[in-house]
């Protein structure tokens, strides 16, 4: 029994250490910032094709590259590689798929609002209520599930930061009568990026590079 308990503690510690470097925080912060930059580009009259290229080819691509290089050249030299068993890999894969679908839903909703398709679809349903409700529920539920299954507690806060972007945009628009979408999504994104940077700096100080690693 004690051996089983110890194995569970070790497994939980491995899962925790996998996200201890703050790289996933920064990755998600860049993804949210991409939405803010997209809104800014649309506001200044940039063509939709150019905006999508900037978002997906530059910012989202940079996020993926940063995550890969960070794991390869920052995390692995300090704590080594993490090889999960079949159950761990399956759990991580399922969570990644659900999370990717969640981000896709959020991006679709964001694009619907930003490119002003709202007037066309408003005849079918009330997007003023439907879109914010789906956005908030989608972000909170998926991020919370991911935080629970992956033992990644910072995802709860990151989920809140993702969720408040759209309601904050609506509130700011009503109060100021101006389009402040960039700030509504950019400020929560900065919170995530700062948090990730602090965690990353702490991780680098805590774990020196392992001997024998280049």
N, C-alpha and C. Protein backbone atom coordinates (compact mmCIF):
# COMPACT_ATOMS: atom_id res chain seq x y z
N UNK A 1 0.83 -1.21 0.00
CA UNK A 1 0.00 0.00 0.00
C UNK A 1 0.87 1.26 0.00
N UNK A 2 1.94 1.24 0.85
CA UNK A 2 2.81 2.40 0.92
C UNK A 2 3.50 2.64 -0.43
N UNK A 3 3.88 1.52 -1.10
CA UNK A 3 4.52 1.65 -2.40
C UNK A 3 3.59 2.27 -3.42
N UNK A 4 2.30 1.88 -3.39
CA UNK A 4 1.32 2.45 -4.31
C UNK A 4 1.14 3.93 -4.04
N UNK A 5 1.09 4.31 -2.76
CA UNK A 5 0.92 5.72 -2.41
C UNK A 5 2.13 6.53 -2.88
N UNK A 6 3.35 5.98 -2.67
CA UNK A 6 4.55 6.65 -3.10
C UNK A 6 4.57 6.83 -4.62
N UNK A 7 4.13 5.81 -5.34
CA UNK A 7 4.11 5.91 -6.80
C UNK A 7 3.14 7.01 -7.25
N UNK A 8 2.01 7.12 -6.57
CA UNK A 8 1.06 8.18 -6.91
C UNK A 8 1.66 9.55 -6.65
N UNK A 9 2.38 9.69 -5.53
CA UNK A 9 3.01 10.96 -5.23
C UNK A 9 4.08 11.31 -6.26
N UNK A 10 4.85 10.30 -6.67
CA UNK A 10 5.88 10.53 -7.67
C UNK A 10 5.26 10.94 -8.99
N UNK A 11 4.18 10.26 -9.38
CA UNK A 11 3.52 10.58 -10.65
C UNK A 11 2.98 12.00 -10.62
N UNK A 12 2.38 12.39 -9.50
CA UNK A 12 1.84 13.75 -9.40
C UNK A 12 2.97 14.78 -9.46
N UNK A 13 4.10 14.46 -8.81
CA UNK A 13 5.24 15.38 -8.82
C UNK A 13 5.79 15.53 -10.23
N UNK A 14 5.83 14.44 -10.99
CA UNK A 14 6.31 14.50 -12.37
C UNK A 14 5.40 15.38 -13.21
N UNK A 15 4.08 15.20 -13.06
CA UNK A 15 3.13 16.03 -13.80
C UNK A 15 3.30 17.50 -13.45
N UNK A 16 3.50 17.77 -12.15
CA UNK A 16 3.66 19.16 -11.71
C UNK A 16 4.93 19.77 -12.27
N UNK A 17 6.03 19.02 -12.23
CA UNK A 17 7.31 19.54 -12.72
C UNK A 17 7.27 19.81 -14.22
N UNK A 18 6.43 19.09 -14.95
CA UNK A 18 6.33 19.27 -16.39
C UNK A 18 5.84 20.68 -16.74
N UNK A 19 5.05 21.28 -15.85
CA UNK A 19 4.51 22.62 -16.09
C UNK A 19 5.13 23.67 -15.18
N UNK A 20 6.21 23.31 -14.50
CA UNK A 20 6.82 24.21 -13.53
C UNK A 20 7.67 25.28 -14.17
N UNK A 21 7.96 25.14 -15.47
CA UNK A 21 8.87 26.08 -16.13
C UNK A 21 8.18 27.35 -16.63
N UNK A 22 6.86 27.40 -16.60
CA UNK A 22 6.15 28.60 -17.03
C UNK A 22 6.02 28.77 -18.53
N UNK A 23 6.55 27.82 -19.30
CA UNK A 23 6.52 27.97 -20.77
C UNK A 23 5.11 27.87 -21.33
N UNK A 24 4.30 26.98 -20.75
CA UNK A 24 2.92 26.88 -21.21
C UNK A 24 2.14 28.15 -20.89
N UNK A 25 2.45 28.77 -19.76
CA UNK A 25 1.80 30.04 -19.42
C UNK A 25 2.09 31.09 -20.48
N UNK A 26 3.38 31.20 -20.84
CA UNK A 26 3.78 32.19 -21.84
C UNK A 26 3.16 31.85 -23.20
N UNK A 27 3.14 30.57 -23.53
CA UNK A 27 2.53 30.14 -24.80
C UNK A 27 1.06 30.57 -24.87
N UNK A 28 0.32 30.31 -23.81
CA UNK A 28 -1.10 30.68 -23.79
C UNK A 28 -1.28 32.19 -23.77
N UNK A 29 -0.37 32.88 -23.09
CA UNK A 29 -0.43 34.34 -23.09
C UNK A 29 -0.24 34.91 -24.48
N UNK A 30 0.68 34.33 -25.25
CA UNK A 30 0.89 34.78 -26.63
C UNK A 30 -0.34 34.50 -27.48
N UNK A 31 -0.98 33.36 -27.26
CA UNK A 31 -2.19 33.03 -28.02
C UNK A 31 -3.29 34.05 -27.75
N UNK A 32 -3.45 34.45 -26.48
CA UNK A 32 -4.48 35.45 -26.16
C UNK A 32 -4.08 36.82 -26.71
N UNK A 33 -2.79 37.13 -26.65
CA UNK A 33 -2.32 38.40 -27.20
C UNK A 33 -2.54 38.45 -28.71
N UNK A 34 -2.47 37.29 -29.38
CA UNK A 34 -2.72 37.25 -30.82
C UNK A 34 -4.13 37.74 -31.13
N UNK A 35 -5.09 37.39 -30.26
CA UNK A 35 -6.45 37.87 -30.47
C UNK A 35 -6.52 39.39 -30.31
N UNK A 36 -5.79 39.92 -29.33
CA UNK A 36 -5.78 41.36 -29.12
C UNK A 36 -5.16 42.09 -30.31
N UNK A 37 -4.04 41.57 -30.81
CA UNK A 37 -3.39 42.18 -31.96
C UNK A 37 -4.28 42.10 -33.20
N UNK A 38 -4.97 40.97 -33.36
CA UNK A 38 -5.90 40.85 -34.47
C UNK A 38 -6.98 41.91 -34.43
N UNK A 39 -7.52 42.16 -33.23
CA UNK A 39 -8.54 43.20 -33.08
C UNK A 39 -7.98 44.57 -33.43
N UNK A 40 -6.74 44.84 -33.01
CA UNK A 40 -6.12 46.13 -33.30
C UNK A 40 -5.92 46.32 -34.80
N UNK A 41 -5.47 45.27 -35.47
CA UNK A 41 -5.25 45.37 -36.92
C UNK A 41 -6.56 45.60 -37.65
N UNK A 42 -7.63 44.93 -37.22
CA UNK A 42 -8.93 45.16 -37.86
C UNK A 42 -9.42 46.58 -37.61
N UNK A 43 -9.15 47.10 -36.41
CA UNK A 43 -9.62 48.45 -36.07
C UNK A 43 -8.95 49.51 -36.93
N UNK A 44 -7.68 49.29 -37.28
CA UNK A 44 -6.99 50.31 -38.07
C UNK A 44 -7.17 50.10 -39.57
N UNK A 45 -8.06 49.16 -39.94
CA UNK A 45 -8.41 48.99 -41.33
C UNK A 45 -7.54 48.03 -42.12
N UNK A 46 -6.77 47.20 -41.44
CA UNK A 46 -5.95 46.22 -42.15
C UNK A 46 -6.83 45.17 -42.81
N UNK A 47 -6.47 44.75 -43.99
CA UNK A 47 -7.26 43.73 -44.70
C UNK A 47 -7.32 42.45 -43.90
N UNK A 48 -8.45 41.76 -43.98
CA UNK A 48 -8.66 40.55 -43.20
C UNK A 48 -7.62 39.48 -43.51
N UNK A 49 -7.26 39.36 -44.81
CA UNK A 49 -6.28 38.35 -45.19
C UNK A 49 -4.93 38.62 -44.52
N UNK A 50 -4.53 39.89 -44.52
CA UNK A 50 -3.25 40.27 -43.91
C UNK A 50 -3.29 40.02 -42.40
N UNK A 51 -4.42 40.37 -41.79
CA UNK A 51 -4.56 40.19 -40.35
C UNK A 51 -4.44 38.72 -39.97
N UNK A 52 -5.12 37.84 -40.70
CA UNK A 52 -5.06 36.41 -40.40
C UNK A 52 -3.65 35.86 -40.59
N UNK A 53 -2.95 36.36 -41.61
CA UNK A 53 -1.58 35.91 -41.83
C UNK A 53 -0.69 36.34 -40.65
N UNK A 54 -0.87 37.58 -40.20
CA UNK A 54 -0.07 38.07 -39.08
C UNK A 54 -0.33 37.24 -37.84
N UNK A 55 -1.62 36.92 -37.59
CA UNK A 55 -1.98 36.19 -36.40
C UNK A 55 -1.45 34.77 -36.45
N UNK A 56 -1.81 34.05 -37.52
CA UNK A 56 -1.51 32.62 -37.56
C UNK A 56 -0.07 32.33 -37.96
N UNK A 57 0.47 33.07 -38.93
CA UNK A 57 1.82 32.79 -39.40
C UNK A 57 2.88 33.36 -38.46
N UNK A 58 2.59 34.49 -37.86
CA UNK A 58 3.59 35.16 -37.02
C UNK A 58 3.40 34.86 -35.54
N UNK A 59 2.31 35.34 -34.95
CA UNK A 59 2.14 35.24 -33.51
C UNK A 59 1.90 33.81 -33.05
N UNK A 60 0.93 33.12 -33.67
CA UNK A 60 0.66 31.75 -33.28
C UNK A 60 1.85 30.86 -33.61
N UNK A 61 2.45 31.08 -34.77
CA UNK A 61 3.65 30.32 -35.12
C UNK A 61 4.78 30.57 -34.14
N UNK A 62 4.95 31.83 -33.74
CA UNK A 62 5.99 32.16 -32.76
C UNK A 62 5.73 31.49 -31.43
N UNK A 63 4.46 31.37 -31.05
CA UNK A 63 4.11 30.71 -29.79
C UNK A 63 4.53 29.25 -29.81
N UNK A 64 4.25 28.56 -30.91
CA UNK A 64 4.63 27.15 -31.04
C UNK A 64 6.15 27.00 -31.02
N UNK A 65 6.85 27.86 -31.76
CA UNK A 65 8.31 27.79 -31.81
C UNK A 65 8.91 28.07 -30.44
N UNK A 66 8.38 29.07 -29.75
CA UNK A 66 8.88 29.41 -28.42
C UNK A 66 8.70 28.24 -27.46
N UNK A 67 7.54 27.60 -27.50
CA UNK A 67 7.28 26.47 -26.60
C UNK A 67 8.24 25.33 -26.88
N UNK A 68 8.45 25.01 -28.16
CA UNK A 68 9.33 23.88 -28.51
C UNK A 68 10.77 24.17 -28.12
N UNK A 69 11.27 25.37 -28.49
CA UNK A 69 12.64 25.71 -28.16
C UNK A 69 12.84 25.85 -26.65
N UNK A 70 11.82 26.38 -25.97
CA UNK A 70 11.93 26.51 -24.52
C UNK A 70 12.06 25.17 -23.83
N UNK A 71 11.22 24.21 -24.23
CA UNK A 71 11.31 22.87 -23.65
C UNK A 71 12.65 22.23 -23.98
N UNK A 72 13.12 22.44 -25.21
CA UNK A 72 14.34 21.79 -25.67
C UNK A 72 15.59 22.38 -25.03
N UNK A 73 15.66 23.71 -24.92
CA UNK A 73 16.90 24.34 -24.50
C UNK A 73 16.86 24.92 -23.08
N UNK A 74 15.68 24.96 -22.44
CA UNK A 74 15.59 25.48 -21.07
C UNK A 74 15.19 24.37 -20.09
N UNK A 75 14.11 23.66 -20.41
CA UNK A 75 13.58 22.68 -19.47
C UNK A 75 14.39 21.39 -19.44
N UNK A 76 14.59 20.78 -20.58
CA UNK A 76 15.29 19.48 -20.64
C UNK A 76 16.69 19.54 -20.06
N UNK A 77 17.50 20.57 -20.36
CA UNK A 77 18.84 20.60 -19.76
C UNK A 77 18.83 20.72 -18.24
N UNK A 78 17.68 21.11 -17.65
CA UNK A 78 17.63 21.31 -16.20
C UNK A 78 16.97 20.16 -15.45
N UNK A 79 15.91 19.59 -15.98
CA UNK A 79 15.24 18.51 -15.25
C UNK A 79 15.17 17.22 -16.05
N UNK A 80 15.73 17.22 -17.28
CA UNK A 80 15.72 16.02 -18.09
C UNK A 80 14.41 15.85 -18.84
N UNK A 81 14.33 14.76 -19.56
CA UNK A 81 13.12 14.46 -20.32
C UNK A 81 12.11 13.75 -19.43
N UNK A 82 10.83 14.02 -19.71
CA UNK A 82 9.75 13.35 -18.98
C UNK A 82 9.09 12.36 -19.91
N UNK A 83 9.24 11.07 -19.59
CA UNK A 83 8.63 10.01 -20.40
C UNK A 83 7.43 9.44 -19.66
N UNK A 84 6.24 9.81 -20.10
CA UNK A 84 5.02 9.34 -19.45
C UNK A 84 4.67 7.93 -19.91
N UNK A 85 3.99 7.20 -19.03
CA UNK A 85 3.51 5.88 -19.37
C UNK A 85 2.30 5.96 -20.28
N UNK A 86 1.75 4.81 -20.68
CA UNK A 86 0.60 4.80 -21.60
C UNK A 86 -0.59 5.60 -21.08
N UNK A 87 -0.91 5.45 -19.79
CA UNK A 87 -2.05 6.19 -19.24
C UNK A 87 -1.77 7.68 -19.21
N UNK A 88 -0.56 8.03 -18.83
CA UNK A 88 -0.21 9.45 -18.80
C UNK A 88 -0.25 10.08 -20.17
N UNK A 89 0.30 9.38 -21.16
CA UNK A 89 0.29 9.91 -22.53
C UNK A 89 -1.12 10.04 -23.07
N UNK A 90 -1.97 9.06 -22.76
CA UNK A 90 -3.36 9.11 -23.23
C UNK A 90 -4.11 10.27 -22.59
N UNK A 91 -3.89 10.47 -21.30
CA UNK A 91 -4.55 11.58 -20.61
C UNK A 91 -4.09 12.92 -21.16
N UNK A 92 -2.79 13.04 -21.39
CA UNK A 92 -2.25 14.28 -21.93
C UNK A 92 -2.77 14.53 -23.35
N UNK A 93 -2.87 13.48 -24.15
CA UNK A 93 -3.34 13.63 -25.52
C UNK A 93 -4.80 14.06 -25.55
N UNK A 94 -5.64 13.40 -24.72
CA UNK A 94 -7.06 13.77 -24.69
C UNK A 94 -7.24 15.21 -24.25
N UNK A 95 -6.49 15.60 -23.22
CA UNK A 95 -6.60 16.97 -22.73
C UNK A 95 -6.16 17.97 -23.79
N UNK A 96 -5.09 17.64 -24.51
CA UNK A 96 -4.60 18.54 -25.56
C UNK A 96 -5.63 18.71 -26.67
N UNK A 97 -6.31 17.62 -27.04
CA UNK A 97 -7.33 17.70 -28.09
C UNK A 97 -8.49 18.57 -27.65
N UNK A 98 -8.97 18.34 -26.42
CA UNK A 98 -10.09 19.14 -25.89
C UNK A 98 -9.69 20.61 -25.82
N UNK A 99 -8.47 20.87 -25.36
CA UNK A 99 -8.00 22.23 -25.23
C UNK A 99 -7.88 22.91 -26.59
N UNK A 100 -7.37 22.19 -27.58
CA UNK A 100 -7.25 22.75 -28.92
C UNK A 100 -8.62 23.08 -29.50
N UNK A 101 -9.59 22.20 -29.29
CA UNK A 101 -10.95 22.47 -29.77
C UNK A 101 -11.54 23.69 -29.07
N UNK A 102 -11.23 23.83 -27.79
CA UNK A 102 -11.73 24.98 -27.04
C UNK A 102 -11.17 26.28 -27.60
N UNK A 103 -9.86 26.30 -27.85
CA UNK A 103 -9.23 27.50 -28.42
C UNK A 103 -9.83 27.81 -29.79
N UNK A 104 -10.11 26.77 -30.58
CA UNK A 104 -10.69 26.97 -31.90
C UNK A 104 -12.08 27.59 -31.79
N UNK A 105 -12.88 27.10 -30.85
CA UNK A 105 -14.21 27.69 -30.63
C UNK A 105 -14.09 29.15 -30.25
N UNK A 106 -13.14 29.45 -29.36
CA UNK A 106 -12.95 30.84 -28.95
C UNK A 106 -12.53 31.72 -30.10
N UNK A 107 -11.63 31.25 -30.94
CA UNK A 107 -11.18 32.04 -32.08
C UNK A 107 -12.32 32.30 -33.07
N UNK A 108 -13.14 31.28 -33.31
CA UNK A 108 -14.27 31.44 -34.23
C UNK A 108 -15.24 32.50 -33.71
N UNK A 109 -15.56 32.43 -32.43
CA UNK A 109 -16.46 33.42 -31.83
C UNK A 109 -15.85 34.82 -31.92
N UNK A 110 -14.56 34.91 -31.65
CA UNK A 110 -13.88 36.21 -31.69
C UNK A 110 -13.92 36.80 -33.10
N UNK A 111 -13.66 35.97 -34.10
CA UNK A 111 -13.67 36.45 -35.49
C UNK A 111 -15.08 36.88 -35.90
N UNK A 112 -16.09 36.13 -35.44
CA UNK A 112 -17.48 36.48 -35.76
C UNK A 112 -17.79 37.89 -35.30
N UNK A 113 -17.35 38.22 -34.09
CA UNK A 113 -17.65 39.54 -33.54
C UNK A 113 -16.81 40.62 -34.22
N UNK A 114 -15.52 40.35 -34.38
CA UNK A 114 -14.60 41.39 -34.84
C UNK A 114 -14.85 41.81 -36.27
N UNK A 115 -15.22 40.88 -37.15
CA UNK A 115 -15.42 41.25 -38.55
C UNK A 115 -16.88 41.62 -38.84
N UNK A 116 -17.62 41.84 -37.73
CA UNK A 116 -18.97 42.40 -37.86
C UNK A 116 -19.93 41.53 -38.65
N UNK A 117 -19.86 40.23 -38.43
CA UNK A 117 -20.87 39.35 -39.00
C UNK A 117 -22.13 39.40 -38.13
N UNK A 118 -21.98 40.08 -37.02
CA UNK A 118 -23.05 40.14 -36.02
C UNK A 118 -24.39 40.56 -36.62
N UNK A 119 -24.41 41.57 -37.45
CA UNK A 119 -25.66 42.09 -37.99
C UNK A 119 -26.36 41.06 -38.87
N UNK A 120 -25.59 40.23 -39.56
CA UNK A 120 -26.18 39.21 -40.43
C UNK A 120 -26.82 38.09 -39.64
N UNK A 121 -26.14 37.67 -38.57
CA UNK A 121 -26.62 36.53 -37.80
C UNK A 121 -27.65 36.89 -36.73
N UNK A 122 -27.78 38.16 -36.43
CA UNK A 122 -28.66 38.57 -35.35
C UNK A 122 -30.13 38.24 -35.63
N UNK A 123 -30.45 38.01 -36.91
CA UNK A 123 -31.82 37.63 -37.23
C UNK A 123 -32.13 36.22 -36.75
N UNK A 124 -31.10 35.39 -36.65
CA UNK A 124 -31.31 34.00 -36.25
C UNK A 124 -31.30 33.85 -34.74
N UNK A 125 -30.34 34.47 -34.05
CA UNK A 125 -30.27 34.37 -32.60
C UNK A 125 -29.65 35.64 -32.04
N UNK A 126 -29.82 35.85 -30.75
CA UNK A 126 -29.30 37.04 -30.10
C UNK A 126 -27.84 36.82 -29.74
N UNK A 127 -26.95 37.31 -30.58
CA UNK A 127 -25.53 37.13 -30.33
C UNK A 127 -25.04 37.94 -29.14
N UNK A 128 -25.79 39.00 -28.77
CA UNK A 128 -25.39 39.80 -27.62
C UNK A 128 -25.35 38.97 -26.35
N UNK A 129 -26.18 37.94 -26.28
CA UNK A 129 -26.22 37.07 -25.12
C UNK A 129 -25.52 35.75 -25.41
N UNK A 130 -25.77 35.20 -26.59
CA UNK A 130 -25.28 33.86 -26.92
C UNK A 130 -23.75 33.79 -26.97
N UNK A 131 -23.12 34.71 -27.70
CA UNK A 131 -21.68 34.65 -27.90
C UNK A 131 -20.91 34.81 -26.58
N UNK A 132 -21.21 35.84 -25.77
CA UNK A 132 -20.47 35.95 -24.49
C UNK A 132 -20.69 34.75 -23.58
N UNK A 133 -21.92 34.22 -23.56
CA UNK A 133 -22.21 33.08 -22.69
C UNK A 133 -21.40 31.85 -23.12
N UNK A 134 -21.37 31.59 -24.44
CA UNK A 134 -20.61 30.44 -24.94
C UNK A 134 -19.12 30.65 -24.70
N UNK A 135 -18.64 31.85 -24.93
CA UNK A 135 -17.23 32.15 -24.72
C UNK A 135 -16.81 31.87 -23.29
N UNK A 136 -17.54 32.46 -22.33
CA UNK A 136 -17.17 32.32 -20.91
C UNK A 136 -17.28 30.86 -20.47
N UNK A 137 -18.39 30.20 -20.82
CA UNK A 137 -18.57 28.81 -20.42
C UNK A 137 -17.49 27.91 -21.03
N UNK A 138 -17.20 28.13 -22.30
CA UNK A 138 -16.18 27.33 -22.98
C UNK A 138 -14.82 27.46 -22.29
N UNK A 139 -14.41 28.68 -22.02
CA UNK A 139 -13.10 28.91 -21.43
C UNK A 139 -13.02 28.37 -20.01
N UNK A 140 -14.01 28.66 -19.20
CA UNK A 140 -13.97 28.24 -17.80
C UNK A 140 -14.01 26.72 -17.66
N UNK A 141 -14.90 26.08 -18.42
CA UNK A 141 -15.06 24.62 -18.30
C UNK A 141 -13.81 23.90 -18.77
N UNK A 142 -13.33 24.25 -19.95
CA UNK A 142 -12.20 23.51 -20.52
C UNK A 142 -10.92 23.76 -19.74
N UNK A 143 -10.64 25.01 -19.40
CA UNK A 143 -9.43 25.30 -18.63
C UNK A 143 -9.49 24.65 -17.25
N UNK A 144 -10.66 24.63 -16.64
CA UNK A 144 -10.79 24.01 -15.32
C UNK A 144 -10.57 22.51 -15.40
N UNK A 145 -11.14 21.87 -16.42
CA UNK A 145 -10.93 20.43 -16.59
C UNK A 145 -9.45 20.13 -16.84
N UNK A 146 -8.83 20.93 -17.68
CA UNK A 146 -7.41 20.72 -17.96
C UNK A 146 -6.58 20.91 -16.70
N UNK A 147 -6.89 21.94 -15.91
CA UNK A 147 -6.16 22.18 -14.66
C UNK A 147 -6.31 21.00 -13.70
N UNK A 148 -7.50 20.45 -13.64
CA UNK A 148 -7.77 19.34 -12.71
C UNK A 148 -7.03 18.07 -13.15
N UNK A 149 -7.18 17.69 -14.40
CA UNK A 149 -6.59 16.43 -14.86
C UNK A 149 -5.07 16.50 -14.99
N UNK A 150 -4.55 17.67 -15.33
CA UNK A 150 -3.11 17.81 -15.51
C UNK A 150 -2.39 18.27 -14.24
N UNK A 151 -3.13 18.52 -13.16
CA UNK A 151 -2.54 19.03 -11.92
C UNK A 151 -1.77 20.32 -12.19
N UNK A 152 -2.33 21.16 -13.02
CA UNK A 152 -1.71 22.42 -13.45
C UNK A 152 -2.61 23.54 -12.94
N UNK A 153 -2.41 23.92 -11.67
CA UNK A 153 -3.35 24.82 -11.00
C UNK A 153 -3.40 26.21 -11.60
N UNK A 154 -2.32 26.67 -12.21
CA UNK A 154 -2.34 28.02 -12.79
C UNK A 154 -3.32 28.12 -13.96
N UNK A 155 -3.71 26.98 -14.51
CA UNK A 155 -4.70 27.02 -15.60
C UNK A 155 -6.05 27.56 -15.14
N UNK A 156 -6.37 27.43 -13.85
CA UNK A 156 -7.62 28.01 -13.36
C UNK A 156 -7.60 29.53 -13.57
N UNK A 157 -6.50 30.17 -13.18
CA UNK A 157 -6.38 31.62 -13.37
C UNK A 157 -6.29 31.98 -14.84
N UNK A 158 -5.54 31.20 -15.61
CA UNK A 158 -5.43 31.47 -17.04
C UNK A 158 -6.80 31.36 -17.71
N UNK A 159 -7.59 30.38 -17.29
CA UNK A 159 -8.95 30.24 -17.81
C UNK A 159 -9.80 31.47 -17.54
N UNK A 160 -9.66 32.03 -16.33
CA UNK A 160 -10.39 33.26 -16.00
C UNK A 160 -9.95 34.41 -16.89
N UNK A 161 -8.63 34.51 -17.13
CA UNK A 161 -8.12 35.59 -17.98
C UNK A 161 -8.66 35.47 -19.41
N UNK A 162 -8.73 34.24 -19.92
CA UNK A 162 -9.31 34.04 -21.25
C UNK A 162 -10.79 34.36 -21.24
N UNK A 163 -11.49 33.99 -20.17
CA UNK A 163 -12.95 34.13 -20.13
C UNK A 163 -13.39 35.59 -20.05
N UNK A 164 -12.62 36.43 -19.33
CA UNK A 164 -13.09 37.80 -19.09
C UNK A 164 -12.87 38.71 -20.29
N UNK A 165 -12.11 38.27 -21.29
CA UNK A 165 -11.80 39.15 -22.41
C UNK A 165 -13.03 39.68 -23.12
N UNK A 166 -13.92 38.80 -23.49
CA UNK A 166 -15.11 39.21 -24.24
C UNK A 166 -16.09 40.02 -23.39
N UNK A 167 -16.44 39.57 -22.17
CA UNK A 167 -17.32 40.41 -21.34
C UNK A 167 -16.70 41.78 -21.04
N UNK A 168 -15.38 41.82 -20.82
CA UNK A 168 -14.71 43.10 -20.56
C UNK A 168 -14.80 44.01 -21.78
N UNK A 169 -14.68 43.43 -22.97
CA UNK A 169 -14.80 44.21 -24.19
C UNK A 169 -16.18 44.84 -24.30
N UNK A 170 -17.21 44.08 -23.97
CA UNK A 170 -18.59 44.59 -24.03
C UNK A 170 -18.80 45.71 -23.03
N UNK A 171 -18.29 45.51 -21.80
CA UNK A 171 -18.45 46.52 -20.75
C UNK A 171 -17.73 47.82 -21.13
N UNK A 172 -16.50 47.70 -21.61
CA UNK A 172 -15.74 48.89 -22.00
C UNK A 172 -16.40 49.63 -23.16
N UNK A 173 -16.97 48.87 -24.08
CA UNK A 173 -17.65 49.49 -25.21
C UNK A 173 -18.88 50.27 -24.76
N UNK A 174 -19.61 49.71 -23.79
CA UNK A 174 -20.80 50.39 -23.28
C UNK A 174 -20.45 51.63 -22.47
N UNK A 175 -19.34 51.56 -21.72
CA UNK A 175 -18.97 52.68 -20.86
C UNK A 175 -18.31 53.82 -21.62
N UNK A 176 -17.48 53.49 -22.60
CA UNK A 176 -16.70 54.51 -23.30
C UNK A 176 -17.22 54.82 -24.70
N UNK A 177 -18.09 53.95 -25.23
CA UNK A 177 -18.58 54.09 -26.60
C UNK A 177 -17.43 54.08 -27.60
N UNK A 178 -16.38 53.36 -27.29
CA UNK A 178 -15.24 53.21 -28.18
C UNK A 178 -14.87 51.73 -28.28
N UNK A 179 -14.18 51.39 -29.36
CA UNK A 179 -13.75 50.02 -29.55
C UNK A 179 -12.42 49.80 -28.83
N UNK A 180 -12.46 49.14 -27.69
CA UNK A 180 -11.27 48.89 -26.89
C UNK A 180 -10.98 47.39 -26.78
N UNK A 181 -11.30 46.68 -27.86
CA UNK A 181 -11.10 45.22 -27.86
C UNK A 181 -9.64 44.85 -27.60
N UNK A 182 -8.73 45.64 -28.17
CA UNK A 182 -7.31 45.34 -27.98
C UNK A 182 -6.95 45.32 -26.49
N UNK A 183 -7.45 46.30 -25.74
CA UNK A 183 -7.14 46.36 -24.31
C UNK A 183 -7.90 45.29 -23.53
N UNK A 184 -9.13 44.98 -23.96
CA UNK A 184 -9.94 43.97 -23.27
C UNK A 184 -9.27 42.60 -23.30
N UNK A 185 -8.61 42.29 -24.42
CA UNK A 185 -7.90 41.02 -24.54
C UNK A 185 -6.41 41.16 -24.22
N UNK A 186 -5.86 42.34 -24.48
CA UNK A 186 -4.43 42.53 -24.26
C UNK A 186 -4.05 42.57 -22.80
N UNK A 187 -4.88 43.19 -21.95
CA UNK A 187 -4.55 43.27 -20.53
C UNK A 187 -4.53 41.89 -19.87
N UNK A 188 -5.58 41.05 -20.05
CA UNK A 188 -5.49 39.68 -19.51
C UNK A 188 -4.32 38.90 -20.08
N UNK A 189 -4.01 39.12 -21.36
CA UNK A 189 -2.86 38.44 -21.96
C UNK A 189 -1.57 38.84 -21.28
N UNK A 190 -1.42 40.12 -20.96
CA UNK A 190 -0.22 40.59 -20.27
C UNK A 190 -0.12 39.99 -18.88
N UNK A 191 -1.25 39.83 -18.21
CA UNK A 191 -1.23 39.20 -16.88
C UNK A 191 -0.67 37.79 -16.98
N UNK A 192 -1.13 37.04 -18.00
CA UNK A 192 -0.64 35.67 -18.18
C UNK A 192 0.84 35.67 -18.53
N UNK A 193 1.26 36.57 -19.42
CA UNK A 193 2.66 36.62 -19.84
C UNK A 193 3.57 36.99 -18.67
N UNK A 194 3.15 37.94 -17.86
CA UNK A 194 3.96 38.33 -16.70
C UNK A 194 4.05 37.17 -15.71
N UNK A 195 2.92 36.52 -15.47
CA UNK A 195 2.92 35.37 -14.58
C UNK A 195 3.86 34.28 -15.11
N UNK A 196 3.79 33.99 -16.40
CA UNK A 196 4.66 32.99 -16.99
C UNK A 196 6.12 33.38 -16.90
N UNK A 197 6.41 34.67 -17.11
CA UNK A 197 7.79 35.13 -17.01
C UNK A 197 8.35 34.98 -15.61
N UNK A 198 7.53 35.29 -14.60
CA UNK A 198 7.96 35.15 -13.21
C UNK A 198 8.22 33.68 -12.89
N UNK A 199 7.32 32.80 -13.32
CA UNK A 199 7.49 31.36 -13.07
C UNK A 199 8.73 30.84 -13.77
N UNK A 200 8.96 31.29 -15.02
CA UNK A 200 10.13 30.85 -15.77
C UNK A 200 11.42 31.30 -15.09
N UNK A 201 11.46 32.55 -14.64
CA UNK A 201 12.65 33.06 -13.96
C UNK A 201 12.91 32.27 -12.67
N UNK A 202 11.86 31.96 -11.94
CA UNK A 202 12.01 31.17 -10.71
C UNK A 202 12.51 29.76 -11.03
N UNK A 203 12.01 29.19 -12.13
CA UNK A 203 12.42 27.85 -12.53
C UNK A 203 13.91 27.82 -12.89
N UNK A 204 14.37 28.84 -13.61
CA UNK A 204 15.77 28.89 -14.02
C UNK A 204 16.68 29.04 -12.79
N UNK A 205 16.26 29.85 -11.81
CA UNK A 205 17.06 29.99 -10.60
C UNK A 205 17.06 28.72 -9.76
N UNK A 206 15.93 28.02 -9.75
CA UNK A 206 15.80 26.83 -8.91
C UNK A 206 16.58 25.65 -9.45
N UNK A 207 16.58 25.49 -10.78
CA UNK A 207 17.22 24.33 -11.39
C UNK A 207 18.41 24.76 -12.25
N UNK A 208 19.63 24.54 -11.78
CA UNK A 208 20.79 24.80 -12.65
C UNK A 208 20.84 23.75 -13.76
N UNK A 209 21.61 24.05 -14.80
CA UNK A 209 21.75 23.11 -15.90
C UNK A 209 22.43 21.83 -15.41
N UNK A 210 21.88 20.68 -15.78
CA UNK A 210 22.44 19.41 -15.35
C UNK A 210 23.82 19.21 -15.96
N UNK A 211 24.71 18.62 -15.18
CA UNK A 211 26.05 18.36 -15.66
C UNK A 211 26.00 17.35 -16.81
N UNK A 212 26.82 17.61 -17.83
CA UNK A 212 26.85 16.71 -18.97
C UNK A 212 25.88 17.13 -20.07
N UNK A 213 25.00 18.14 -19.78
CA UNK A 213 24.07 18.62 -20.80
C UNK A 213 24.71 19.81 -21.52
N UNK A 214 24.49 19.88 -22.83
CA UNK A 214 25.00 21.00 -23.61
C UNK A 214 23.89 22.01 -23.78
